[in-house]
Amino acid sequence: MQIPEYQLFVHPSDRNELRKNIWQDDPITAKLTIGKKKYAIDLAYRGSHIRDLRKKSYRVTFSKPSMFRGAKEVHWNAEFKDPSLLRNKLSFDFFEEIGCLSPKARFISLKMNGKNEGLYLELESVDEYFLGNRKLPNGAIFYAVDGDANFSLMSDLDNKVKESLLVGYEKKYGSEQDEVHLQELIFMINTLPQEQFETEIVKYINVEQYLRWLAGVVFTQNFDGFVHNYALYRNGETGLFEMIPWDYDATWGRDVDGEIMEEDYLRIQGFNTLTARILAIKTFRTHYKNLLEDILTNKFTVDYLKPKIQELHDLIRPYMQQDPYVKENLNVFDHEPAFICTYIEARGNYIRSQLDVLE
């Protein structure tokens, strides 16, 4: 497998405009060459706290031609705080393997105006093209943009009653009627009597898929994943909402600053109002326990994951050596496969030790 090289050309005045205010979301125009193909694109910084970092991440929208690899929009992530550069890619692949919808990710080598900008992870945008590429039914997509996306009537940010049930969400694709469906979902999560919850909630959310997503968050230990770092897709045929992971670099034993996150940091019951209500039902709780046991046996093991981790590490190492932003961290990078494997072993043991709480 070879990592593709992207040649990006940005007018110096446009680049200065981008640098002048890193918090603006308005894009600049640029030219992109991949192999022998040329594209006109719109380019903007992406992310929140990561915009302050030396190595920027970008949102890319294709204008001419308007599509690239079946997508209108992609994201180039610097993965600057992850010393392995692998965690996002490893997480999305893991989610897909345990039966969840998940963005596709691949590494690219980026040059801007002839200068090496290093290694990036290209992420598929979660939008209508994401659905079309998987031949999924058309449906609404909402991004969870902050801590208010907690499936509660109360804000996680100020502990007050929300002014709107849409607070915390950004509609990426869909209609006003889809907003009504999302509000109805959150209202029902919070008002259904306990004796009706098991039979009624399955009319609003794909519980099987939700439990698989929950397992993915718990195994990778993405603490923010319950009120942030996800997208909601409402399947147009079934009318059921499904969860899609997003931004999983702070996982596999390291937090958002790249510091060590102990294997017992996140409880296996997770968080947020919907998770609590689902796991309060014995039928769902038992199914979740069985899912955890199956993944512990077949997917979340050092034997299974180590070859995948090492293959990715070997693939990107030559590019790491040339990356002007991270090449000085090569020694830490080389220890990361072993670090992640140690985390897998420890986290697996912790989850096994906690399975009884799901009885």
Protein backbone atom coordinates (compact mmCIF):
# COMPACT_ATOMS: atom_id res chain seq x y z
CA MET A 1 0.00 0.00 0.00
CA GLN A 2 1.29 3.44 -0.95
CA ILE A 3 0.29 6.76 0.60
CA PRO A 4 -0.90 9.22 -2.08
CA GLU A 5 0.80 12.60 -2.40
CA TYR A 6 -1.42 15.69 -2.58
CA GLN A 7 -0.03 18.90 -4.10
CA LEU A 8 -1.93 21.92 -2.75
CA PHE A 9 -1.49 25.39 -4.24
CA VAL A 10 -2.75 28.41 -2.30
CA HIS A 11 -2.25 32.04 -3.29
CA PRO A 12 -0.02 33.69 -0.65
CA SER A 13 -2.58 36.43 0.03
CA ASP A 14 -5.30 33.84 0.56
CA ARG A 15 -3.07 31.87 2.88
CA ASN A 16 -2.33 35.00 4.88
CA GLU A 17 -6.07 35.63 5.10
CA LEU A 18 -6.58 32.13 6.48
CA ARG A 19 -3.81 32.59 9.04
CA LYS A 20 -5.03 36.02 10.09
CA ASN A 21 -8.08 34.63 11.88
CA ILE A 22 -7.83 30.92 12.61
CA TRP A 23 -11.38 30.86 14.02
CA GLN A 24 -13.15 31.99 10.88
CA ASP A 25 -14.98 29.23 9.00
CA ASP A 26 -15.17 31.03 5.65
CA PRO A 27 -13.04 29.10 3.14
CA ILE A 28 -10.46 30.30 0.68
CA THR A 29 -10.06 28.96 -2.86
CA ALA A 30 -7.16 26.69 -3.76
CA LYS A 31 -5.92 24.22 -6.36
CA LEU A 32 -5.23 20.58 -5.63
CA THR A 33 -3.32 18.08 -7.76
CA ILE A 34 -3.50 14.34 -7.03
CA GLY A 35 -1.52 12.29 -9.51
CA LYS A 36 -2.49 13.69 -12.90
CA LYS A 37 -5.87 15.04 -11.79
CA LYS A 38 -6.47 18.66 -10.87
CA TYR A 39 -9.23 20.01 -8.64
CA ALA A 40 -10.51 23.43 -7.67
CA ILE A 41 -11.34 23.37 -3.96
CA ASP A 42 -12.49 25.50 -1.04
CA LEU A 43 -10.20 25.22 1.97
CA ALA A 44 -10.84 26.13 5.63
CA TYR A 45 -9.43 25.23 9.02
CA ARG A 46 -11.42 22.70 11.02
CA GLY A 47 -11.78 21.70 14.65
CA SER A 48 -12.04 23.68 17.88
CA HIS A 49 -9.05 23.52 20.27
CA ILE A 50 -6.84 22.02 17.52
CA ARG A 51 -6.86 25.29 15.55
CA ASP A 52 -4.33 26.67 18.02
CA LEU A 53 -1.82 23.94 17.19
CA ARG A 54 1.18 24.45 14.89
CA LYS A 55 0.01 21.85 12.42
CA LYS A 56 -3.48 22.79 11.21
CA SER A 57 -6.33 20.53 10.16
CA TYR A 58 -8.52 21.38 7.17
CA ARG A 59 -12.01 21.03 5.76
CA VAL A 60 -11.94 20.57 1.98
CA THR A 61 -14.88 21.08 -0.38
CA PHE A 62 -14.53 20.16 -4.05
CA SER A 63 -15.92 22.64 -6.57
CA LYS A 64 -14.53 21.63 -10.00
CA PRO A 65 -14.97 18.80 -10.49
CA SER A 66 -17.50 18.75 -7.68
CA MET A 67 -16.83 15.17 -6.55
CA PHE A 68 -13.75 13.26 -5.40
CA ARG A 69 -13.79 9.54 -4.61
CA GLY A 70 -17.56 9.69 -4.22
CA ALA A 71 -17.41 12.68 -1.85
CA LYS A 72 -18.17 16.39 -2.03
CA GLU A 73 -16.30 17.16 1.19
CA VAL A 74 -13.39 15.57 3.09
CA HIS A 75 -11.40 16.45 6.19
CA TRP A 76 -7.61 16.47 6.51
CA ASN A 77 -6.70 15.81 10.14
CA ALA A 78 -3.22 16.59 11.41
CA GLU A 79 -3.62 14.21 14.40
CA PHE A 80 -1.04 16.48 16.05
CA LYS A 81 -1.73 15.51 19.68
CA ASP A 82 -1.70 11.77 18.98
CA PRO A 83 1.94 10.56 19.06
CA SER A 84 0.95 7.45 17.09
CA LEU A 85 -1.13 9.30 14.44
CA LEU A 86 -3.10 6.02 14.34
CA ARG A 87 -5.88 6.37 16.88
CA ASN A 88 -8.58 7.93 14.71
CA LYS A 89 -7.99 5.47 11.88
CA LEU A 90 -7.76 2.52 14.27
CA SER A 91 -11.00 3.58 16.00
CA PHE A 92 -13.05 3.99 12.84
CA ASP A 93 -11.86 0.63 11.50
CA PHE A 94 -12.73 -0.95 14.86
CA PHE A 95 -16.25 0.52 14.87
CA GLU A 96 -16.85 -0.82 11.38
CA GLU A 97 -15.68 -4.28 12.39
CA ILE A 98 -18.10 -4.45 15.33
CA GLY A 99 -21.07 -3.53 13.15
CA CYS A 100 -21.32 0.28 13.26
CA LEU A 101 -21.54 2.88 10.54
CA SER A 102 -18.16 4.61 10.50
CA PRO A 103 -16.31 7.13 8.31
CA LYS A 104 -13.59 5.79 6.05
CA ALA A 105 -10.09 7.11 6.68
CA ARG A 106 -6.78 6.94 4.82
CA PHE A 107 -3.39 8.59 5.20
CA ILE A 108 -2.15 11.17 2.70
CA SER A 109 1.10 13.11 2.25
CA LEU A 110 0.46 16.84 1.80
CA LYS A 111 2.58 19.49 0.14
CA MET A 112 1.49 23.15 0.14
CA ASN A 113 3.03 25.44 -2.47
CA GLY A 114 5.85 22.91 -2.82
CA LYS A 115 6.60 22.72 0.91
CA ASN A 116 6.16 19.45 2.78
CA GLU A 117 3.31 19.77 5.29
CA GLY A 118 3.64 16.17 6.41
CA LEU A 119 1.29 13.30 7.03
CA TYR A 120 -2.48 13.76 7.30
CA LEU A 121 -5.45 11.50 7.86
CA GLU A 122 -8.13 12.07 5.24
CA LEU A 123 -11.59 11.49 6.72
CA GLU A 124 -14.80 10.91 4.86
CA SER A 125 -17.45 13.51 5.67
CA VAL A 126 -20.68 12.18 7.19
CA ASP A 127 -23.31 13.54 4.80
CA GLU A 128 -25.68 12.45 2.03
CA TYR A 129 -22.74 11.11 0.01
CA PHE A 130 -21.66 9.00 3.00
CA LEU A 131 -25.11 7.39 2.77
CA GLY A 132 -25.03 7.05 -1.00
CA ASN A 133 -21.61 5.39 -1.04
CA ARG A 134 -22.99 2.70 1.30
CA LYS A 135 -26.29 2.38 -0.59
CA LEU A 136 -28.10 3.35 2.60
CA PRO A 137 -31.61 4.82 2.55
CA ASN A 138 -31.70 8.58 2.29
CA GLY A 139 -32.13 10.25 5.67
CA ALA A 140 -31.29 13.16 7.94
CA ILE A 141 -27.85 13.67 9.49
CA PHE A 142 -27.20 15.77 12.59
CA TYR A 143 -23.78 16.56 14.09
CA ALA A 144 -23.36 16.64 17.86
CA VAL A 145 -21.41 19.90 18.14
CA ASP A 146 -21.14 20.37 21.90
CA GLY A 147 -21.99 18.94 25.32
CA ASP A 148 -25.69 19.73 24.96
CA ALA A 149 -26.04 16.75 22.62
CA ASN A 150 -26.63 14.57 25.69
CA PHE A 151 -30.16 13.29 24.93
CA SER A 152 -31.39 15.17 28.00
CA LEU A 153 -33.81 18.01 28.71
CA MET A 154 -31.05 19.58 30.80
CA SER A 155 -27.90 21.24 29.48
CA ASP A 156 -24.55 19.61 30.25
CA LEU A 157 -22.92 23.03 29.93
CA ASP A 158 -24.83 25.06 32.56
CA ASN A 159 -27.14 22.49 34.18
CA LYS A 160 -30.24 24.45 33.13
CA VAL A 161 -33.32 23.38 31.18
CA LYS A 162 -32.54 23.65 27.47
CA GLU A 163 -34.25 26.43 25.54
CA SER A 164 -34.63 24.04 22.60
CA LEU A 165 -34.30 20.29 22.17
CA LEU A 166 -32.17 21.00 19.09
CA VAL A 167 -29.47 22.69 21.18
CA GLY A 168 -26.16 20.87 20.75
CA TYR A 169 -26.94 19.69 17.22
CA GLU A 170 -26.14 21.03 13.76
CA LYS A 171 -28.22 19.73 10.87
CA LYS A 172 -25.84 18.58 8.17
CA TYR A 173 -28.49 17.18 5.87
CA GLY A 174 -32.26 16.96 6.02
CA SER A 175 -35.48 18.96 6.31
CA GLU A 176 -37.37 20.90 8.98
CA GLN A 177 -39.50 17.80 9.51
CA ASP A 178 -36.34 15.90 10.43
CA GLU A 179 -35.72 18.46 13.16
CA VAL A 180 -39.18 17.62 14.50
CA HIS A 181 -38.22 13.92 14.53
CA LEU A 182 -35.05 14.66 16.51
CA GLN A 183 -36.97 16.73 19.05
CA GLU A 184 -39.52 13.94 19.36
CA LEU A 185 -36.74 11.41 19.99
CA ILE A 186 -35.23 13.49 22.80
CA PHE A 187 -38.67 14.21 24.30
CA MET A 188 -39.61 10.50 24.32
CA ILE A 189 -36.25 9.48 25.85
CA ASN A 190 -36.97 11.78 28.76
CA THR A 191 -40.71 11.27 29.26
CA LEU A 192 -41.54 7.63 28.44
CA PRO A 193 -42.62 5.79 31.62
CA GLN A 194 -40.26 2.97 32.57
CA GLU A 195 -42.89 0.28 31.92
CA GLN A 196 -43.30 1.51 28.32
CA PHE A 197 -39.69 2.32 27.51
CA GLU A 198 -38.62 -1.12 26.22
CA THR A 199 -41.47 -1.44 23.71
CA GLU A 200 -41.65 2.22 22.66
CA ILE A 201 -38.04 3.35 22.32
CA VAL A 202 -37.41 0.81 19.54
CA LYS A 203 -39.82 2.88 17.42
CA TYR A 204 -37.40 5.80 17.55
CA ILE A 205 -33.86 4.44 17.73
CA ASN A 206 -32.07 1.33 16.46
CA VAL A 207 -31.22 -0.11 19.88
CA GLU A 208 -29.09 -2.97 18.53
CA GLN A 209 -26.93 -0.50 16.63
CA TYR A 210 -26.84 1.88 19.59
CA LEU A 211 -25.49 -0.85 21.86
CA ARG A 212 -22.77 -1.70 19.32
CA TRP A 213 -21.83 1.97 19.16
CA LEU A 214 -21.82 2.11 22.98
CA ALA A 215 -19.48 -0.87 23.06
CA GLY A 216 -17.16 0.88 20.60
CA VAL A 217 -17.01 4.02 22.74
CA VAL A 218 -16.35 1.95 25.87
CA PHE A 219 -13.58 -0.16 24.34
CA THR A 220 -11.76 2.78 22.75
CA GLN A 221 -12.48 4.86 25.89
CA ASN A 222 -13.58 8.09 24.21
CA PHE A 223 -14.83 9.99 27.27
CA ASP A 224 -16.37 12.78 25.15
CA GLY A 225 -18.16 10.31 22.91
CA PHE A 226 -21.43 10.32 24.84
CA VAL A 227 -22.30 14.01 24.52
CA HIS A 228 -20.08 14.99 21.60
CA ASN A 229 -18.00 13.33 18.86
CA TYR A 230 -20.86 11.62 17.07
CA ALA A 231 -23.36 12.10 14.28
CA LEU A 232 -27.00 10.99 14.24
CA TYR A 233 -28.46 9.42 11.09
CA ARG A 234 -32.21 8.91 10.77
CA ASN A 235 -32.79 6.04 8.36
CA GLY A 236 -35.44 7.21 5.89
CA GLU A 237 -36.92 3.73 5.49
CA THR A 238 -37.06 2.53 9.10
CA GLY A 239 -37.46 5.96 10.70
CA LEU A 240 -34.89 4.91 13.32
CA PHE A 241 -31.91 6.95 14.48
CA GLU A 242 -28.39 5.46 14.37
CA MET A 243 -25.08 6.66 15.85
CA ILE A 244 -21.91 7.37 13.86
CA PRO A 245 -18.55 8.04 15.63
CA TRP A 246 -16.45 11.14 14.92
CA ASP A 247 -13.11 12.53 16.20
CA TYR A 248 -11.58 9.54 17.98
CA ASP A 249 -7.96 10.64 18.36
CA ALA A 250 -8.23 10.83 22.19
CA THR A 251 -8.56 7.06 22.60
CA TRP A 252 -6.60 3.82 23.06
CA GLY A 253 -4.95 4.96 26.28
CA ARG A 254 -4.28 8.66 25.57
CA ASP A 255 -6.43 11.72 26.27
CA VAL A 256 -7.06 14.86 24.22
CA ASP A 257 -3.64 16.25 25.19
CA GLY A 258 -1.83 13.00 24.36
CA GLU A 259 -1.34 12.20 28.04
CA ILE A 260 -1.84 8.69 29.47
CA MET A 261 -5.45 7.77 30.20
CA GLU A 262 -5.66 4.85 32.62
CA GLU A 263 -7.61 1.81 31.49
CA ASP A 264 -10.30 2.26 34.18
CA TYR A 265 -11.03 5.92 33.41
CA LEU A 266 -14.35 5.22 31.69
CA ARG A 267 -16.96 2.94 33.26
CA ILE A 268 -18.54 0.29 31.05
CA GLN A 269 -22.06 1.69 31.61
CA GLY A 270 -21.03 4.87 29.82
CA PHE A 271 -22.88 8.15 30.25
CA ASN A 272 -25.76 10.30 28.90
CA THR A 273 -29.50 10.02 29.48
CA LEU A 274 -30.27 7.63 26.63
CA THR A 275 -27.56 5.16 27.66
CA ALA A 276 -28.80 5.19 31.25
CA ARG A 277 -32.39 4.54 30.22
CA ILE A 278 -31.47 1.75 27.78
CA LEU A 279 -29.25 -0.03 30.30
CA ALA A 280 -32.01 0.22 32.92
CA ILE A 281 -33.90 -2.38 30.83
CA LYS A 282 -32.69 -5.90 31.65
CA THR A 283 -33.25 -7.22 28.11
CA PHE A 284 -31.07 -4.47 26.61
CA ARG A 285 -28.52 -4.71 29.42
CA THR A 286 -28.11 -8.46 28.91
CA HIS A 287 -27.70 -8.00 25.18
CA TYR A 288 -25.06 -5.33 25.79
CA LYS A 289 -23.20 -7.66 28.15
CA ASN A 290 -23.24 -10.41 25.51
CA LEU A 291 -21.92 -7.95 22.91
CA LEU A 292 -19.03 -6.95 25.18
CA GLU A 293 -18.14 -10.60 25.80
CA ASP A 294 -18.21 -11.39 22.08
CA ILE A 295 -16.00 -8.39 21.20
CA LEU A 296 -13.61 -9.22 24.05
CA THR A 297 -13.21 -12.70 22.60
CA ASN A 298 -13.02 -11.92 18.89
CA LYS A 299 -12.11 -8.29 18.14
CA PHE A 300 -10.60 -6.53 21.16
CA THR A 301 -7.55 -8.70 21.67
CA VAL A 302 -3.85 -8.08 21.23
CA ASP A 303 -3.58 -11.07 18.89
CA TYR A 304 -6.26 -9.65 16.61
CA LEU A 305 -5.33 -5.96 16.69
CA LYS A 306 -1.53 -6.00 16.94
CA PRO A 307 -0.92 -6.94 13.26
CA LYS A 308 -3.29 -4.16 12.14
CA ILE A 309 -1.57 -1.62 14.39
CA GLN A 310 1.91 -2.65 13.26
CA GLU A 311 0.92 -2.59 9.58
CA LEU A 312 -0.35 0.99 9.90
CA HIS A 313 2.74 2.01 11.90
CA ASP A 314 5.08 0.54 9.28
CA LEU A 315 3.10 2.23 6.49
CA ILE A 316 3.39 5.75 7.87
CA ARG A 317 6.83 5.61 9.53
CA PRO A 318 8.81 6.80 6.46
CA TYR A 319 6.45 9.78 6.18
CA MET A 320 6.75 10.51 9.91
CA GLN A 321 10.51 10.82 9.43
CA GLN A 322 9.91 13.60 6.88
CA ASP A 323 7.05 15.40 8.63
CA PRO A 324 8.42 18.82 9.73
CA TYR A 325 5.96 19.04 12.66
CA VAL A 326 6.38 15.64 14.31
CA LYS A 327 9.64 14.04 13.12
CA GLU A 328 11.35 14.97 16.40
CA ASN A 329 8.87 12.65 18.17
CA LEU A 330 9.95 9.57 16.24
CA ASN A 331 11.17 7.76 19.36
CA VAL A 332 7.77 8.08 21.06
CA PHE A 333 6.05 7.15 17.80
CA ASP A 334 8.05 3.91 17.62
CA HIS A 335 6.89 2.91 21.11
CA GLU A 336 3.22 3.59 20.42
CA PRO A 337 2.26 0.16 18.96
CA ALA A 338 3.46 -1.50 22.17
CA PHE A 339 1.75 1.22 24.24
CA ILE A 340 -1.58 0.64 22.47
CA CYS A 341 -1.28 -3.13 22.84
CA THR A 342 -0.63 -2.71 26.58
CA TYR A 343 -3.76 -0.58 26.75
CA ILE A 344 -5.80 -3.23 24.91
CA GLU A 345 -4.72 -5.89 27.37
CA ALA A 346 -5.39 -3.70 30.41
CA ARG A 347 -8.69 -2.30 29.15
CA GLY A 348 -9.91 -5.77 28.21
CA ASN A 349 -9.12 -7.06 31.69
CA TYR A 350 -10.90 -4.08 33.27
CA ILE A 351 -14.05 -4.58 31.18
CA ARG A 352 -14.11 -8.30 32.06
CA SER A 353 -13.85 -7.42 35.74
CA GLN A 354 -16.86 -5.12 35.45
CA LEU A 355 -19.28 -7.34 33.52
CA ASP A 356 -21.12 -8.33 36.69
CA VAL A 357 -22.51 -4.78 37.04
CA LEU A 358 -24.65 -5.57 33.99
CA GLU A 359 -26.37 -8.53 35.67
